[in-house]
Amino acid sequence: MRISAKADYAVRAALELAAATDLPVKGERIAAAQGIPPKFLESIMVDLRQAGLVASQRGPEGGYRLDLPPERISIADVIRAVDGPLAVVHGDRPDAMSYHGVAAGLEEVWVALRANVREVLEEVSLADVVEGSLPPVVRELAAKPDAWTRH
C-alpha cells in the first residue's frame, strides 16, 4: 500500500489541529510545524473541510479547527477525504473486480487487503496518535519484528 504525500500531509495537519489548545490554528502555523508546502496545505484543508472534518474561520483571528472531536476522526476518515477509497485496483474498489481462470481468487485477496487496511486505519483516531495510546491491534502489528523489515 502506498500513502500519498497528500494523505500523509493531511493526517499530519489533522494531528496538529487535534493537539492544538489555542484555536483556531493558522494555516501558516500548521505548514511550518509539519513542513507542509503552504499552497498544498490550502488544497488539503479544502478537502478536509468538504468532508466535514475541519472548519475554517476567516479574518485576522481566523484559522482552522477540527469540526468533530479528535476521538471521532479516524486516520481512515482523513485519508478518504483527500484520496478517496483506502484500497483500489485500477481505480475501482476491490469488490468491483472480476477475474477468470487461475486469477479467480485474486478478488478475495484484494478484498482481504482492504479489510486489513481498514482494521488498522479505522481503529486509530487522531486522539489515539496525539495521546500516544494506539489500539492494541496496531501495537501488536507494529511489534512484529518483520513489520520493520524492508521487503
N, C-alpha and C. Protein backbone atom coordinates (compact mmCIF):
# COMPACT_ATOMS: atom_id res chain seq x y z
N MET A 1 0.84 -1.18 0.00
CA MET A 1 0.00 0.00 0.00
C MET A 1 0.88 1.24 0.00
N ARG A 2 0.49 2.20 -0.78
CA ARG A 2 1.20 3.47 -0.83
C ARG A 2 0.36 4.55 -0.18
N ILE A 3 0.99 5.34 0.64
CA ILE A 3 0.34 6.50 1.24
C ILE A 3 0.83 7.71 0.45
N SER A 4 -0.09 8.42 -0.18
CA SER A 4 0.31 9.57 -0.98
C SER A 4 0.84 10.69 -0.08
N ALA A 5 1.60 11.59 -0.68
CA ALA A 5 2.09 12.76 0.06
C ALA A 5 0.90 13.56 0.58
N LYS A 6 -0.14 13.66 -0.22
CA LYS A 6 -1.32 14.42 0.19
C LYS A 6 -1.96 13.79 1.43
N ALA A 7 -2.08 12.47 1.45
CA ALA A 7 -2.67 11.78 2.61
C ALA A 7 -1.78 11.94 3.84
N ASP A 8 -0.48 11.79 3.67
CA ASP A 8 0.46 11.95 4.78
C ASP A 8 0.36 13.37 5.36
N TYR A 9 0.38 14.36 4.49
CA TYR A 9 0.28 15.75 4.94
C TYR A 9 -1.07 16.00 5.61
N ALA A 10 -2.13 15.45 5.06
CA ALA A 10 -3.47 15.65 5.63
C ALA A 10 -3.56 15.09 7.04
N VAL A 11 -3.03 13.90 7.24
CA VAL A 11 -3.05 13.30 8.57
C VAL A 11 -2.22 14.15 9.53
N ARG A 12 -1.06 14.58 9.10
CA ARG A 12 -0.21 15.40 9.97
C ARG A 12 -0.87 16.74 10.31
N ALA A 13 -1.54 17.35 9.33
CA ALA A 13 -2.26 18.61 9.59
C ALA A 13 -3.41 18.36 10.57
N ALA A 14 -4.14 17.28 10.39
CA ALA A 14 -5.25 16.97 11.29
C ALA A 14 -4.73 16.70 12.70
N LEU A 15 -3.57 16.06 12.82
CA LEU A 15 -2.98 15.81 14.14
C LEU A 15 -2.59 17.13 14.81
N GLU A 16 -2.09 18.08 14.04
CA GLU A 16 -1.76 19.40 14.59
C GLU A 16 -3.02 20.05 15.17
N LEU A 17 -4.13 19.93 14.45
CA LEU A 17 -5.38 20.50 14.94
C LEU A 17 -5.89 19.75 16.17
N ALA A 18 -5.72 18.43 16.17
CA ALA A 18 -6.16 17.63 17.31
C ALA A 18 -5.37 17.97 18.57
N ALA A 19 -4.12 18.33 18.42
CA ALA A 19 -3.25 18.63 19.56
C ALA A 19 -3.33 20.09 20.00
N ALA A 20 -3.89 20.94 19.16
CA ALA A 20 -3.91 22.38 19.43
C ALA A 20 -4.79 22.74 20.62
N THR A 21 -4.31 23.66 21.41
CA THR A 21 -5.10 24.17 22.54
C THR A 21 -5.55 25.60 22.28
N ASP A 22 -4.87 26.29 21.39
CA ASP A 22 -5.19 27.67 21.04
C ASP A 22 -5.83 27.66 19.66
N LEU A 23 -7.16 27.76 19.62
CA LEU A 23 -7.89 27.65 18.35
C LEU A 23 -8.47 28.99 17.96
N PRO A 24 -8.69 29.24 16.69
CA PRO A 24 -8.32 28.39 15.55
C PRO A 24 -6.82 28.48 15.27
N VAL A 25 -6.34 27.51 14.48
CA VAL A 25 -4.92 27.43 14.15
C VAL A 25 -4.71 27.96 12.74
N LYS A 26 -3.80 28.90 12.61
CA LYS A 26 -3.49 29.45 11.29
C LYS A 26 -2.81 28.41 10.41
N GLY A 27 -3.12 28.44 9.12
CA GLY A 27 -2.52 27.51 8.17
C GLY A 27 -1.01 27.60 8.17
N GLU A 28 -0.49 28.81 8.30
CA GLU A 28 0.97 29.01 8.29
C GLU A 28 1.63 28.24 9.45
N ARG A 29 0.94 28.22 10.59
CA ARG A 29 1.48 27.51 11.76
C ARG A 29 1.50 26.00 11.51
N ILE A 30 0.43 25.48 10.93
CA ILE A 30 0.36 24.05 10.61
C ILE A 30 1.46 23.70 9.61
N ALA A 31 1.56 24.50 8.55
CA ALA A 31 2.55 24.24 7.50
C ALA A 31 3.96 24.24 8.06
N ALA A 32 4.27 25.22 8.90
CA ALA A 32 5.62 25.31 9.48
C ALA A 32 5.90 24.15 10.43
N ALA A 33 4.92 23.80 11.25
CA ALA A 33 5.11 22.75 12.24
C ALA A 33 5.36 21.39 11.60
N GLN A 34 4.74 21.14 10.44
CA GLN A 34 4.84 19.83 9.81
C GLN A 34 5.63 19.84 8.50
N GLY A 35 6.18 20.96 8.12
CA GLY A 35 6.96 21.01 6.88
C GLY A 35 6.12 20.75 5.64
N ILE A 36 4.91 21.28 5.64
CA ILE A 36 3.99 21.10 4.52
C ILE A 36 4.02 22.36 3.66
N PRO A 37 4.20 22.23 2.35
CA PRO A 37 4.14 23.43 1.49
C PRO A 37 2.80 24.14 1.69
N PRO A 38 2.82 25.44 1.99
CA PRO A 38 1.59 26.17 2.31
C PRO A 38 0.48 26.06 1.26
N LYS A 39 0.81 26.16 -0.01
CA LYS A 39 -0.22 26.06 -1.05
C LYS A 39 -0.85 24.67 -1.07
N PHE A 40 -0.02 23.64 -0.87
CA PHE A 40 -0.50 22.27 -0.82
C PHE A 40 -1.43 22.10 0.39
N LEU A 41 -1.05 22.71 1.51
CA LEU A 41 -1.89 22.64 2.72
C LEU A 41 -3.26 23.26 2.47
N GLU A 42 -3.30 24.38 1.77
CA GLU A 42 -4.59 25.02 1.47
C GLU A 42 -5.51 24.06 0.74
N SER A 43 -4.98 23.35 -0.25
CA SER A 43 -5.77 22.38 -1.01
C SER A 43 -6.26 21.25 -0.11
N ILE A 44 -5.40 20.79 0.76
CA ILE A 44 -5.75 19.71 1.69
C ILE A 44 -6.86 20.16 2.63
N MET A 45 -6.74 21.38 3.14
CA MET A 45 -7.74 21.87 4.09
C MET A 45 -9.10 22.04 3.43
N VAL A 46 -9.12 22.37 2.15
CA VAL A 46 -10.39 22.44 1.42
C VAL A 46 -11.04 21.05 1.40
N ASP A 47 -10.26 20.03 1.09
CA ASP A 47 -10.78 18.66 1.07
C ASP A 47 -11.29 18.24 2.45
N LEU A 48 -10.54 18.56 3.50
CA LEU A 48 -10.93 18.17 4.85
C LEU A 48 -12.19 18.94 5.29
N ARG A 49 -12.30 20.18 4.85
CA ARG A 49 -13.49 20.97 5.16
C ARG A 49 -14.71 20.40 4.44
N GLN A 50 -14.55 20.06 3.17
CA GLN A 50 -15.66 19.50 2.41
C GLN A 50 -16.12 18.15 2.96
N ALA A 51 -15.21 17.43 3.58
CA ALA A 51 -15.55 16.13 4.18
C ALA A 51 -16.18 16.30 5.57
N GLY A 52 -16.25 17.52 6.07
CA GLY A 52 -16.85 17.77 7.37
C GLY A 52 -15.93 17.46 8.54
N LEU A 53 -14.64 17.36 8.27
CA LEU A 53 -13.68 17.06 9.34
C LEU A 53 -13.07 18.32 9.95
N VAL A 54 -13.01 19.38 9.16
CA VAL A 54 -12.35 20.62 9.58
C VAL A 54 -13.29 21.79 9.29
N ALA A 55 -13.26 22.77 10.17
CA ALA A 55 -13.98 24.01 9.95
C ALA A 55 -12.96 25.13 9.84
N SER A 56 -13.30 26.15 9.08
CA SER A 56 -12.38 27.28 8.94
C SER A 56 -13.08 28.56 9.35
N GLN A 57 -12.27 29.51 9.77
CA GLN A 57 -12.76 30.82 10.18
C GLN A 57 -11.91 31.86 9.47
N ARG A 58 -12.55 32.79 8.80
CA ARG A 58 -11.82 33.83 8.07
C ARG A 58 -11.46 35.00 8.97
N GLY A 59 -10.59 35.84 8.45
CA GLY A 59 -10.25 37.08 9.15
C GLY A 59 -8.94 36.99 9.90
N PRO A 60 -8.56 38.11 10.51
CA PRO A 60 -7.27 38.18 11.20
C PRO A 60 -7.15 37.18 12.35
N GLU A 61 -8.25 36.84 12.96
CA GLU A 61 -8.25 35.86 14.04
C GLU A 61 -8.66 34.48 13.54
N GLY A 62 -8.62 34.31 12.23
CA GLY A 62 -9.09 33.08 11.61
C GLY A 62 -8.09 31.95 11.65
N GLY A 63 -8.52 30.85 11.08
CA GLY A 63 -7.69 29.66 11.01
C GLY A 63 -8.57 28.42 10.91
N TYR A 64 -8.05 27.30 11.38
CA TYR A 64 -8.74 26.02 11.27
C TYR A 64 -8.90 25.37 12.63
N ARG A 65 -9.93 24.53 12.72
CA ARG A 65 -10.15 23.68 13.88
C ARG A 65 -10.84 22.42 13.39
N LEU A 66 -10.74 21.37 14.18
CA LEU A 66 -11.48 20.16 13.84
C LEU A 66 -12.96 20.43 14.02
N ASP A 67 -13.78 19.83 13.17
CA ASP A 67 -15.23 20.01 13.26
C ASP A 67 -15.88 18.90 14.07
N LEU A 68 -15.10 17.92 14.46
CA LEU A 68 -15.55 16.81 15.32
C LEU A 68 -14.50 16.60 16.40
N PRO A 69 -14.85 15.97 17.49
CA PRO A 69 -13.83 15.65 18.49
C PRO A 69 -12.78 14.72 17.88
N PRO A 70 -11.51 14.87 18.26
CA PRO A 70 -10.46 14.03 17.67
C PRO A 70 -10.65 12.54 17.90
N GLU A 71 -11.41 12.18 18.92
CA GLU A 71 -11.71 10.76 19.18
C GLU A 71 -12.62 10.18 18.11
N ARG A 72 -13.36 11.05 17.42
CA ARG A 72 -14.32 10.59 16.42
C ARG A 72 -13.78 10.65 14.99
N ILE A 73 -12.55 11.08 14.82
CA ILE A 73 -11.96 11.15 13.48
C ILE A 73 -10.85 10.12 13.39
N SER A 74 -11.05 9.15 12.50
CA SER A 74 -10.03 8.11 12.31
C SER A 74 -9.04 8.55 11.24
N ILE A 75 -7.90 7.90 11.25
CA ILE A 75 -6.91 8.14 10.20
C ILE A 75 -7.54 7.81 8.84
N ALA A 76 -8.37 6.76 8.81
CA ALA A 76 -9.07 6.39 7.57
C ALA A 76 -9.95 7.53 7.07
N ASP A 77 -10.66 8.21 7.98
CA ASP A 77 -11.52 9.34 7.58
C ASP A 77 -10.71 10.41 6.86
N VAL A 78 -9.55 10.72 7.40
CA VAL A 78 -8.70 11.77 6.82
C VAL A 78 -8.19 11.35 5.45
N ILE A 79 -7.71 10.11 5.35
CA ILE A 79 -7.18 9.63 4.06
C ILE A 79 -8.28 9.60 3.01
N ARG A 80 -9.45 9.10 3.37
CA ARG A 80 -10.56 9.08 2.41
C ARG A 80 -10.94 10.48 1.94
N ALA A 81 -10.85 11.46 2.84
CA ALA A 81 -11.22 12.83 2.49
C ALA A 81 -10.33 13.41 1.39
N VAL A 82 -9.07 13.02 1.37
CA VAL A 82 -8.15 13.60 0.38
C VAL A 82 -7.83 12.67 -0.78
N ASP A 83 -7.94 11.36 -0.56
CA ASP A 83 -7.55 10.40 -1.61
C ASP A 83 -8.65 9.46 -2.06
N GLY A 84 -9.79 9.47 -1.42
CA GLY A 84 -10.87 8.54 -1.77
C GLY A 84 -10.70 7.20 -1.07
N PRO A 85 -11.22 6.13 -1.67
CA PRO A 85 -11.20 4.81 -1.01
C PRO A 85 -9.79 4.37 -0.61
N LEU A 86 -9.72 3.60 0.48
CA LEU A 86 -8.43 3.16 1.01
C LEU A 86 -7.72 2.16 0.11
N ALA A 87 -8.48 1.34 -0.59
CA ALA A 87 -7.87 0.33 -1.47
C ALA A 87 -8.59 0.34 -2.81
N VAL A 88 -7.81 0.49 -3.86
CA VAL A 88 -8.37 0.47 -5.21
C VAL A 88 -7.49 -0.39 -6.11
N VAL A 89 -8.14 -0.99 -7.11
CA VAL A 89 -7.43 -1.78 -8.11
C VAL A 89 -7.83 -1.19 -9.47
N HIS A 90 -6.88 -0.64 -10.16
CA HIS A 90 -7.15 0.03 -11.45
C HIS A 90 -8.23 1.10 -11.31
N GLY A 91 -8.25 1.78 -10.16
CA GLY A 91 -9.21 2.84 -9.94
C GLY A 91 -10.57 2.39 -9.44
N ASP A 92 -10.78 1.09 -9.30
CA ASP A 92 -12.06 0.55 -8.81
C ASP A 92 -11.89 -0.07 -7.43
N ARG A 93 -12.99 -0.17 -6.72
CA ARG A 93 -12.97 -0.85 -5.43
C ARG A 93 -12.70 -2.34 -5.66
N PRO A 94 -12.00 -2.99 -4.74
CA PRO A 94 -11.65 -4.41 -4.92
C PRO A 94 -12.85 -5.32 -5.18
N ASP A 95 -13.98 -5.04 -4.55
CA ASP A 95 -15.14 -5.90 -4.73
C ASP A 95 -15.81 -5.71 -6.08
N ALA A 96 -15.38 -4.72 -6.85
CA ALA A 96 -15.94 -4.50 -8.19
C ALA A 96 -15.14 -5.24 -9.26
N MET A 97 -14.05 -5.85 -8.86
CA MET A 97 -13.19 -6.54 -9.82
C MET A 97 -13.75 -7.93 -10.12
N SER A 98 -13.42 -8.42 -11.30
CA SER A 98 -13.84 -9.76 -11.69
C SER A 98 -12.69 -10.42 -12.44
N TYR A 99 -12.29 -11.58 -11.95
CA TYR A 99 -11.16 -12.29 -12.54
C TYR A 99 -11.62 -13.66 -13.01
N HIS A 100 -10.88 -14.22 -13.94
CA HIS A 100 -11.25 -15.52 -14.51
C HIS A 100 -10.06 -16.47 -14.47
N GLY A 101 -10.35 -17.73 -14.62
CA GLY A 101 -9.29 -18.74 -14.69
C GLY A 101 -8.48 -18.79 -13.42
N VAL A 102 -7.16 -18.91 -13.58
CA VAL A 102 -6.28 -19.06 -12.43
C VAL A 102 -6.26 -17.82 -11.53
N ALA A 103 -6.71 -16.69 -12.03
CA ALA A 103 -6.73 -15.45 -11.24
C ALA A 103 -8.05 -15.24 -10.50
N ALA A 104 -8.97 -16.19 -10.57
CA ALA A 104 -10.31 -16.03 -9.98
C ALA A 104 -10.26 -15.70 -8.48
N GLY A 105 -9.30 -16.22 -7.76
CA GLY A 105 -9.21 -15.97 -6.32
C GLY A 105 -8.62 -14.62 -5.96
N LEU A 106 -8.14 -13.88 -6.94
CA LEU A 106 -7.48 -12.61 -6.68
C LEU A 106 -8.43 -11.57 -6.09
N GLU A 107 -9.69 -11.58 -6.49
CA GLU A 107 -10.65 -10.62 -5.94
C GLU A 107 -10.71 -10.76 -4.41
N GLU A 108 -10.73 -11.99 -3.93
CA GLU A 108 -10.78 -12.22 -2.49
C GLU A 108 -9.51 -11.70 -1.79
N VAL A 109 -8.37 -11.83 -2.45
CA VAL A 109 -7.12 -11.31 -1.90
C VAL A 109 -7.21 -9.80 -1.75
N TRP A 110 -7.69 -9.10 -2.78
CA TRP A 110 -7.78 -7.64 -2.74
C TRP A 110 -8.79 -7.18 -1.68
N VAL A 111 -9.91 -7.90 -1.57
CA VAL A 111 -10.91 -7.55 -0.55
C VAL A 111 -10.33 -7.75 0.85
N ALA A 112 -9.58 -8.85 1.05
CA ALA A 112 -8.94 -9.10 2.34
C ALA A 112 -7.91 -8.01 2.67
N LEU A 113 -7.18 -7.58 1.66
CA LEU A 113 -6.21 -6.50 1.86
C LEU A 113 -6.93 -5.24 2.33
N ARG A 114 -8.03 -4.89 1.66
CA ARG A 114 -8.80 -3.71 2.06
C ARG A 114 -9.29 -3.86 3.51
N ALA A 115 -9.78 -5.04 3.87
CA ALA A 115 -10.27 -5.27 5.23
C ALA A 115 -9.16 -5.09 6.25
N ASN A 116 -7.96 -5.56 5.91
CA ASN A 116 -6.82 -5.44 6.81
C ASN A 116 -6.41 -3.97 6.99
N VAL A 117 -6.39 -3.23 5.90
CA VAL A 117 -6.06 -1.81 5.95
C VAL A 117 -7.10 -1.07 6.80
N ARG A 118 -8.37 -1.39 6.57
CA ARG A 118 -9.44 -0.78 7.36
C ARG A 118 -9.27 -1.09 8.85
N GLU A 119 -8.91 -2.34 9.15
CA GLU A 119 -8.78 -2.76 10.55
C GLU A 119 -7.80 -1.86 11.30
N VAL A 120 -6.77 -1.44 10.63
CA VAL A 120 -5.79 -0.56 11.27
C VAL A 120 -6.25 0.90 11.20
N LEU A 121 -6.50 1.41 10.02
CA LEU A 121 -6.74 2.84 9.85
C LEU A 121 -8.07 3.32 10.44
N GLU A 122 -9.07 2.46 10.50
CA GLU A 122 -10.35 2.86 11.10
C GLU A 122 -10.32 2.75 12.61
N GLU A 123 -9.39 1.99 13.14
CA GLU A 123 -9.27 1.82 14.59
C GLU A 123 -8.49 2.93 15.26
N VAL A 124 -7.67 3.64 14.50
CA VAL A 124 -6.80 4.66 15.09
C VAL A 124 -7.42 6.04 14.87
N SER A 125 -7.71 6.71 15.99
CA SER A 125 -8.25 8.07 15.91
C SER A 125 -7.11 9.08 16.02
N LEU A 126 -7.43 10.31 15.67
CA LEU A 126 -6.44 11.37 15.85
C LEU A 126 -6.03 11.47 17.32
N ALA A 127 -7.00 11.33 18.21
CA ALA A 127 -6.70 11.40 19.65
C ALA A 127 -5.75 10.29 20.06
N ASP A 128 -5.92 9.09 19.50
CA ASP A 128 -5.02 7.98 19.83
C ASP A 128 -3.57 8.33 19.54
N VAL A 129 -3.34 8.94 18.39
CA VAL A 129 -1.97 9.28 17.98
C VAL A 129 -1.44 10.40 18.85
N VAL A 130 -2.23 11.46 19.03
CA VAL A 130 -1.79 12.61 19.82
C VAL A 130 -1.48 12.19 21.26
N GLU A 131 -2.31 11.32 21.81
CA GLU A 131 -2.13 10.90 23.20
C GLU A 131 -1.15 9.74 23.36
N GLY A 132 -0.69 9.19 22.24
CA GLY A 132 0.24 8.06 22.30
C GLY A 132 -0.41 6.79 22.82
N SER A 133 -1.71 6.64 22.57
CA SER A 133 -2.43 5.47 23.06
C SER A 133 -3.02 4.68 21.89
N LEU A 134 -2.14 4.13 21.06
CA LEU A 134 -2.60 3.38 19.91
C LEU A 134 -3.35 2.12 20.35
N PRO A 135 -4.35 1.69 19.58
CA PRO A 135 -5.10 0.49 19.92
C PRO A 135 -4.19 -0.75 19.96
N PRO A 136 -4.53 -1.73 20.79
CA PRO A 136 -3.71 -2.93 20.91
C PRO A 136 -3.42 -3.62 19.56
N VAL A 137 -4.41 -3.68 18.67
CA VAL A 137 -4.19 -4.36 17.39
C VAL A 137 -3.05 -3.69 16.61
N VAL A 138 -2.97 -2.37 16.69
CA VAL A 138 -1.92 -1.63 15.98
C VAL A 138 -0.57 -1.87 16.65
N ARG A 139 -0.55 -1.81 17.95
CA ARG A 139 0.71 -2.06 18.68
C ARG A 139 1.22 -3.47 18.43
N GLU A 140 0.32 -4.44 18.39
CA GLU A 140 0.71 -5.84 18.14
C GLU A 140 1.31 -6.00 16.75
N LEU A 141 0.66 -5.40 15.76
CA LEU A 141 1.18 -5.49 14.39
C LEU A 141 2.54 -4.80 14.27
N ALA A 142 2.68 -3.63 14.88
CA ALA A 142 3.94 -2.89 14.80
C ALA A 142 5.05 -3.57 15.61
N ALA A 143 4.67 -4.39 16.59
CA ALA A 143 5.68 -5.06 17.44
C ALA A 143 6.29 -6.28 16.76
N LYS A 144 5.68 -6.75 15.69
CA LYS A 144 6.24 -7.89 14.99
C LYS A 144 7.56 -7.49 14.34
N PRO A 145 8.62 -8.30 14.58
CA PRO A 145 9.93 -7.95 14.02
C PRO A 145 9.91 -7.74 12.50
N ASP A 146 9.11 -8.54 11.83
CA ASP A 146 9.06 -8.45 10.37
C ASP A 146 8.40 -7.14 9.89
N ALA A 147 7.62 -6.51 10.76
CA ALA A 147 6.95 -5.27 10.38
C ALA A 147 7.95 -4.16 10.04
N TRP A 148 9.12 -4.20 10.61
CA TRP A 148 10.12 -3.14 10.45
C TRP A 148 11.17 -3.51 9.39
N THR A 149 11.01 -4.67 8.77
CA THR A 149 11.96 -5.14 7.77
C THR A 149 11.51 -4.75 6.37
N ARG A 150 12.41 -4.20 5.61
CA ARG A 150 12.10 -3.85 4.22
C ARG A 150 12.06 -5.11 3.37
N HIS A 151 11.10 -5.18 2.50
CA HIS A 151 11.00 -6.33 1.58
C HIS A 151 11.00 -5.84 0.16
